[in-house]
Amino acid sequence: MEALDIALEAAKAADRKKAYDIKILEVGKLSDSFDYFVIASVNNDRQADAVIDEVENKMRESYAVRPLAIEGRRVSQWKLIDFGSVMVHIFDEETRDFYRLEKLWGDAPQIAFEAELI
């Protein structure tokens, strides 16, 4: 199991729950701690929880991997799923605009992924 496979599957799982503006950043050459960031936006907490559940379930089914931690699950505009080398960031739009992770990690290459057709 490769970190890239986890990142791609997490992005697809987020897309299945209608997250939008999904990006995968390859941060491994810029960070000693992570290989990939998956960044996605959602409209509300309920949708964020659905994305977390979908990502968690798909990782368990496909790769027998469980997250090391899930942060912000209770009430937060920024939720995080930690898979070790892959971090999945789930934002509401305002918080994502404020923190601008894509700009902060602007030197990181973006990885293309294809959303699944439902």
Protein backbone atom coordinates (compact mmCIF):
# COMPACT_ATOMS: atom_id res chain seq x y z
CA MET A 1 0.00 0.00 0.00
CA GLU A 2 1.43 3.32 -1.10
CA ALA A 3 0.70 6.71 0.43
CA LEU A 4 -0.38 7.92 -3.03
CA ASP A 5 -3.02 5.16 -3.19
CA ILE A 6 -4.41 6.30 0.16
CA ALA A 7 -4.46 9.94 -0.95
CA LEU A 8 -6.23 9.11 -4.22
CA GLU A 9 -8.79 6.88 -2.49
CA ALA A 10 -9.45 9.53 0.17
CA ALA A 11 -10.04 12.15 -2.53
CA LYS A 12 -12.46 9.85 -4.36
CA ALA A 13 -14.29 9.05 -1.11
CA ALA A 14 -14.65 12.78 -0.36
CA ASP A 15 -15.97 13.33 -3.87
CA ARG A 16 -18.58 10.59 -3.40
CA LYS A 17 -19.99 12.62 -0.49
CA LYS A 18 -20.10 15.77 -2.62
CA ALA A 19 -17.06 17.53 -1.15
CA TYR A 20 -15.78 20.06 -3.66
CA ASP A 21 -12.58 21.80 -4.77
CA ILE A 22 -10.66 18.65 -3.84
CA LYS A 23 -6.89 18.88 -4.19
CA ILE A 24 -4.08 16.43 -3.56
CA LEU A 25 -0.73 18.00 -2.77
CA GLU A 26 2.51 16.02 -2.80
CA VAL A 27 4.28 17.55 0.20
CA GLY A 28 6.82 14.80 0.84
CA LYS A 29 9.79 16.77 -0.50
CA LEU A 30 8.79 19.78 1.59
CA SER A 31 7.88 18.01 4.83
CA ASP A 32 9.61 15.42 6.98
CA SER A 33 6.27 14.34 8.43
CA PHE A 34 3.84 13.85 5.52
CA ASP A 35 3.84 12.68 1.93
CA TYR A 36 0.42 13.94 0.79
CA PHE A 37 -2.29 16.36 1.80
CA VAL A 38 -5.84 15.87 0.57
CA ILE A 39 -7.78 19.12 0.91
CA ALA A 40 -11.54 19.33 0.42
CA SER A 41 -14.35 21.79 1.10
CA VAL A 42 -17.82 21.00 2.42
CA ASN A 43 -20.97 23.02 3.03
CA ASN A 44 -21.67 22.09 6.66
CA ASP A 45 -20.76 19.86 9.64
CA ARG A 46 -23.16 17.12 8.60
CA GLN A 47 -21.50 16.83 5.21
CA ALA A 48 -18.05 16.92 6.84
CA ASP A 49 -19.04 14.01 9.08
CA ALA A 50 -20.31 12.08 6.04
CA VAL A 51 -16.98 12.67 4.28
CA ILE A 52 -15.03 11.50 7.34
CA ASP A 53 -17.18 8.36 7.58
CA GLU A 54 -16.78 7.60 3.87
CA VAL A 55 -13.01 8.09 3.92
CA GLU A 56 -12.63 6.02 7.08
CA ASN A 57 -14.82 3.18 5.75
CA LYS A 58 -13.16 3.08 2.34
CA MET A 59 -9.66 2.96 3.83
CA ARG A 60 -10.67 0.12 6.14
CA GLU A 61 -12.32 -1.83 3.28
CA SER A 62 -9.71 -1.24 0.59
CA TYR A 63 -6.46 -1.14 2.56
CA ALA A 64 -7.25 -2.40 6.08
CA VAL A 65 -6.01 1.00 7.32
CA ARG A 66 -7.49 2.98 10.16
CA PRO A 67 -6.74 6.63 10.86
CA LEU A 68 -4.22 7.39 13.58
CA ALA A 69 -6.45 10.28 14.67
CA ILE A 70 -9.46 12.33 13.66
CA GLU A 71 -9.43 15.93 14.86
CA GLY A 72 -12.25 18.47 14.94
CA ARG A 73 -15.01 15.90 14.71
CA ARG A 74 -17.23 17.49 17.36
CA VAL A 75 -17.73 21.01 16.01
CA SER A 76 -15.06 22.57 13.88
CA GLN A 77 -14.66 24.35 10.58
CA TRP A 78 -11.47 22.36 9.95
CA LYS A 79 -11.50 18.61 10.39
CA LEU A 80 -8.45 16.44 9.95
CA ILE A 81 -7.99 12.72 9.33
CA ASP A 82 -4.44 11.53 10.02
CA PHE A 83 -3.29 8.43 8.14
CA GLY A 84 0.36 8.97 9.04
CA SER A 85 1.90 9.90 5.71
CA VAL A 86 -1.43 11.24 4.38
CA MET A 87 -3.40 14.04 6.02
CA VAL A 88 -6.97 14.67 4.89
CA HIS A 89 -8.12 18.24 5.57
CA ILE A 90 -11.86 18.97 5.41
CA PHE A 91 -12.80 22.63 5.57
CA ASP A 92 -15.79 24.85 5.38
CA GLU A 93 -15.18 27.39 2.61
CA GLU A 94 -14.51 30.39 4.84
CA THR A 95 -11.92 28.58 6.95
CA ARG A 96 -10.21 27.16 3.88
CA ASP A 97 -10.00 30.65 2.39
CA PHE A 98 -8.51 31.93 5.66
CA TYR A 99 -5.77 29.28 6.04
CA ARG A 100 -5.06 28.84 2.30
CA LEU A 101 -3.07 25.62 2.63
CA GLU A 102 -2.65 25.41 -1.14
CA LYS A 103 -0.79 28.73 -1.08
CA LEU A 104 1.15 27.89 2.08
CA TRP A 105 2.33 24.69 0.40
CA GLY A 106 2.47 26.37 -3.02
CA ASP A 107 5.69 24.62 -4.04
CA ALA A 108 4.06 21.22 -3.64
CA PRO A 109 3.01 19.55 -6.89
CA GLN A 110 -0.71 18.83 -7.29
CA ILE A 111 -1.69 15.27 -8.12
CA ALA A 112 -4.56 14.82 -10.54
CA PHE A 113 -7.34 12.41 -9.70
CA GLU A 114 -10.50 11.44 -11.50
CA ALA A 115 -13.77 11.59 -9.65
CA GLU A 116 -15.91 8.49 -9.90
CA LEU A 117 -19.04 8.81 -11.97
CA ILE A 118 -22.05 7.88 -9.91
